[in-house]
Protein backbone atom coordinates (compact mmCIF):
# COMPACT_ATOMS: atom_id res chain seq x y z
CA UNK A 1 3.45 38.20 -18.52
CA UNK A 2 7.15 37.27 -18.57
CA UNK A 3 8.50 34.10 -17.03
CA UNK A 4 11.75 34.51 -15.13
CA UNK A 5 14.37 31.97 -16.06
CA UNK A 6 14.64 29.32 -18.74
CA UNK A 7 12.32 26.45 -17.88
CA UNK A 8 10.54 23.57 -19.46
CA UNK A 9 6.97 24.12 -18.36
CA UNK A 10 5.12 20.82 -18.55
CA UNK A 11 1.34 20.67 -18.82
CA UNK A 12 0.14 17.09 -18.52
CA UNK A 13 -2.87 15.04 -17.53
CA UNK A 14 -5.46 12.72 -19.02
CA UNK A 15 -6.92 13.18 -22.51
CA UNK A 16 -9.82 15.64 -22.44
CA UNK A 17 -8.78 17.47 -19.27
CA UNK A 18 -8.15 20.81 -21.03
CA UNK A 19 -4.39 20.80 -21.62
CA UNK A 20 -4.65 22.31 -25.11
CA UNK A 21 -6.90 25.15 -23.93
CA UNK A 22 -4.49 25.96 -21.10
CA UNK A 23 -1.46 25.94 -23.40
CA UNK A 24 -3.20 28.23 -25.91
CA UNK A 25 -3.97 30.75 -23.17
CA UNK A 26 -0.44 30.62 -21.75
CA UNK A 27 1.06 31.22 -25.18
CA UNK A 28 -1.23 34.21 -25.74
CA UNK A 29 -0.27 35.77 -22.40
CA UNK A 30 3.47 35.01 -22.14
CA UNK A 31 5.97 36.96 -24.19
CA UNK A 32 9.00 34.74 -23.58
CA UNK A 33 7.32 31.35 -23.88
CA UNK A 34 7.75 29.07 -26.88
CA UNK A 35 5.67 26.00 -27.65
CA UNK A 36 7.30 22.62 -28.20
CA UNK A 37 5.60 21.02 -31.19
CA UNK A 38 5.54 17.28 -30.64
CA UNK A 39 5.90 14.72 -33.39
CA UNK A 40 3.25 12.03 -33.72
CA UNK A 41 2.26 9.14 -35.95
CA UNK A 42 -1.45 9.41 -35.14
CA UNK A 43 -4.00 10.61 -37.67
CA UNK A 44 -4.59 14.34 -37.88
CA UNK A 45 -7.96 15.50 -36.51
CA UNK A 46 -10.09 17.70 -38.78
CA UNK A 47 -9.46 20.77 -36.59
CA UNK A 48 -5.66 20.35 -36.67
CA UNK A 49 -3.02 21.57 -39.08
CA UNK A 50 0.44 20.10 -39.49
CA UNK A 51 3.17 21.85 -37.46
CA UNK A 52 0.63 23.73 -35.37
CA UNK A 53 0.16 21.44 -32.36
CA UNK A 54 1.86 18.39 -33.85
CA UNK A 55 4.18 17.49 -36.67
CA UNK A 56 2.43 14.52 -38.24
CA UNK A 57 4.86 11.94 -39.63
CA UNK A 58 4.81 8.32 -40.71
CA UNK A 59 5.93 5.55 -38.39
CA UNK A 60 9.04 5.08 -40.54
CA UNK A 61 9.94 8.80 -40.32
CA UNK A 62 9.44 8.72 -36.56
CA UNK A 63 11.65 5.67 -36.17
CA UNK A 64 14.36 7.39 -38.23
CA UNK A 65 14.21 10.34 -35.81
CA UNK A 66 14.54 7.92 -32.87
CA UNK A 67 17.67 6.48 -34.49
CA UNK A 68 19.06 10.03 -34.86
CA UNK A 69 18.50 10.73 -31.11
CA UNK A 70 16.27 13.66 -32.11
CA UNK A 71 13.89 13.35 -29.12
CA UNK A 72 14.13 14.49 -25.52
CA UNK A 73 11.53 11.79 -24.90
CA UNK A 74 9.17 9.64 -26.90
CA UNK A 75 6.46 7.15 -26.05
CA UNK A 76 3.98 4.89 -27.71
CA UNK A 77 0.54 5.91 -26.50
CA UNK A 78 -2.79 4.46 -27.66
CA UNK A 79 -0.96 2.69 -30.51
CA UNK A 80 0.83 5.79 -31.84
CA UNK A 81 4.22 7.36 -31.29
CA UNK A 82 4.53 10.80 -29.67
CA UNK A 83 7.86 12.55 -29.17
CA UNK A 84 9.35 15.84 -27.99
CA UNK A 85 12.12 17.05 -30.31
CA UNK A 86 15.15 18.34 -28.42
CA UNK A 87 16.68 20.82 -30.94
CA UNK A 88 13.89 23.45 -30.83
CA UNK A 89 14.01 23.37 -27.01
CA UNK A 90 17.75 23.97 -27.00
CA UNK A 91 17.30 26.85 -29.46
CA UNK A 92 14.61 28.52 -27.31
CA UNK A 93 16.68 28.18 -24.13
CA UNK A 94 19.63 29.87 -25.91
CA UNK A 95 17.35 32.88 -26.50
CA UNK A 96 16.41 32.99 -22.77
CA UNK A 97 12.91 31.70 -23.41
CA UNK A 98 11.01 29.08 -21.49
CA UNK A 99 9.40 26.24 -23.42
CA UNK A 100 5.87 24.93 -22.94
CA UNK A 101 5.28 21.20 -23.33
CA UNK A 102 1.76 19.79 -23.61
CA UNK A 103 2.55 16.10 -23.27
CA UNK A 104 1.06 12.88 -21.96
CA UNK A 105 1.81 11.61 -18.47
CA UNK A 106 4.39 9.01 -19.57
CA UNK A 107 6.30 11.58 -21.60
CA UNK A 108 6.12 14.14 -18.80
CA UNK A 109 7.49 11.62 -16.33
CA UNK A 110 10.41 10.91 -18.68
CA UNK A 111 11.23 14.62 -19.02
CA UNK A 112 10.89 15.28 -15.29
CA UNK A 113 13.40 12.51 -14.61
CA UNK A 114 16.05 13.75 -17.03
CA UNK A 115 18.56 16.31 -15.85
CA UNK A 116 18.71 18.17 -19.16
CA UNK A 117 16.63 21.22 -18.20
CA UNK A 118 14.99 22.93 -15.24
CA UNK A 119 11.33 21.87 -15.23
CA UNK A 120 8.12 23.08 -13.67
CA UNK A 121 5.44 20.43 -14.03
CA UNK A 122 1.67 20.70 -13.76
CA UNK A 123 -0.71 17.77 -13.62
CA UNK A 124 -4.18 18.87 -14.72
CA UNK A 125 -6.85 16.70 -13.19
CA UNK A 126 -10.56 16.50 -14.01
CA UNK A 127 -12.98 17.11 -11.14
CA UNK A 128 -14.25 13.54 -11.65
CA UNK A 129 -13.94 10.63 -14.05
CA UNK A 130 -17.58 11.15 -15.08
CA UNK A 131 -16.82 14.76 -16.02
CA UNK A 132 -13.83 13.59 -18.04
CA UNK A 133 -15.91 10.96 -19.84
CA UNK A 134 -18.49 13.65 -20.71
CA UNK A 135 -15.77 16.00 -22.04
CA UNK A 136 -14.34 13.23 -24.24
CA UNK A 137 -17.81 12.41 -25.53
CA UNK A 138 -18.49 16.08 -26.32
CA UNK A 139 -15.30 16.34 -28.38
CA UNK A 140 -16.98 14.05 -30.89
CA UNK A 141 -13.76 12.60 -32.31
CA UNK A 142 -13.62 9.20 -30.57
CA UNK A 143 -15.57 5.98 -30.58
CA UNK A 144 -17.21 4.76 -27.38
CA UNK A 145 -14.47 2.12 -27.05
CA UNK A 146 -11.77 4.81 -27.34
CA UNK A 147 -13.53 6.90 -24.71
CA UNK A 148 -13.72 3.91 -22.38
CA UNK A 149 -10.00 3.15 -22.91
CA UNK A 150 -9.07 6.80 -22.27
CA UNK A 151 -11.18 6.80 -19.10
CA UNK A 152 -9.42 3.69 -17.78
CA UNK A 153 -6.04 5.22 -18.69
CA UNK A 154 -7.02 8.45 -16.88
CA UNK A 155 -7.55 6.56 -13.64
CA UNK A 156 -4.01 5.16 -13.91
CA UNK A 157 -2.57 8.55 -14.85
CA UNK A 158 -4.20 10.29 -11.88
CA UNK A 159 -2.31 7.89 -9.58
CA UNK A 160 0.93 9.24 -11.13
CA UNK A 161 0.03 12.86 -10.38
CA UNK A 162 2.24 12.73 -7.28
CA UNK A 163 5.32 12.91 -9.54
CA UNK A 164 4.44 16.45 -10.61
CA UNK A 165 5.31 19.75 -8.93
CA UNK A 166 1.72 21.01 -8.99
CA UNK A 167 -1.69 19.34 -9.10
CA UNK A 168 -4.45 21.57 -10.49
CA UNK A 169 -8.10 20.48 -10.77
CA UNK A 170 -9.74 21.83 -13.91
CA UNK A 171 -13.28 22.29 -12.65
CA UNK A 172 -13.38 25.87 -13.94
CA UNK A 173 -11.06 26.82 -16.78
CA UNK A 174 -10.59 30.40 -15.52
CA UNK A 175 -9.68 29.30 -11.99
CA UNK A 176 -7.39 26.54 -13.28
CA UNK A 177 -5.58 28.96 -15.59
CA UNK A 178 -5.26 31.62 -12.89
CA UNK A 179 -3.71 29.07 -10.51
CA UNK A 180 -1.10 28.14 -13.12
CA UNK A 181 -0.38 31.78 -13.96
CA UNK A 182 0.14 32.67 -10.27
CA UNK A 183 2.65 29.85 -9.89
CA UNK A 184 4.55 30.88 -13.03
CA UNK A 185 4.66 34.52 -11.94
CA UNK A 186 6.10 33.41 -8.59
CA UNK A 187 9.12 31.59 -9.96
């Protein structure tokens, strides 16, 4: 699949909704789509490698990047910094590629409201809060308090879904992905 144009394609939604799985599938199927690797100060999970999904940096390094205006957007989420570096996006756009961003709702809102790039935004929603809680529990990488905090945050994030171009419920991964692919093929 090729995406027409040079877009920032934003995949956002609550933790545990399936954003990473969707982005992996899009990157496998799209020839002219690059992934924006976010910077973060959070601890690396056992399944992650540096510069794969995130560039893991110290708080001091992150703050130096803020001072250098290196981010399109950055936020503090769950006690850690997350930021989208602008230079790799500019480089991809120069090569007529679109760029895929898998970012939290606050960060997505910031990007949507800048006039730097043409954006297509997707809010991925769980079929229910109970389903989301179960998915977070099954990941096995959070305490029960963290799961409860993420569940509360998800309720607030779902309210903000109206700011996005497209709302997709991830009840079935295949159907969710196909909906996103149809929209991207139609642009």
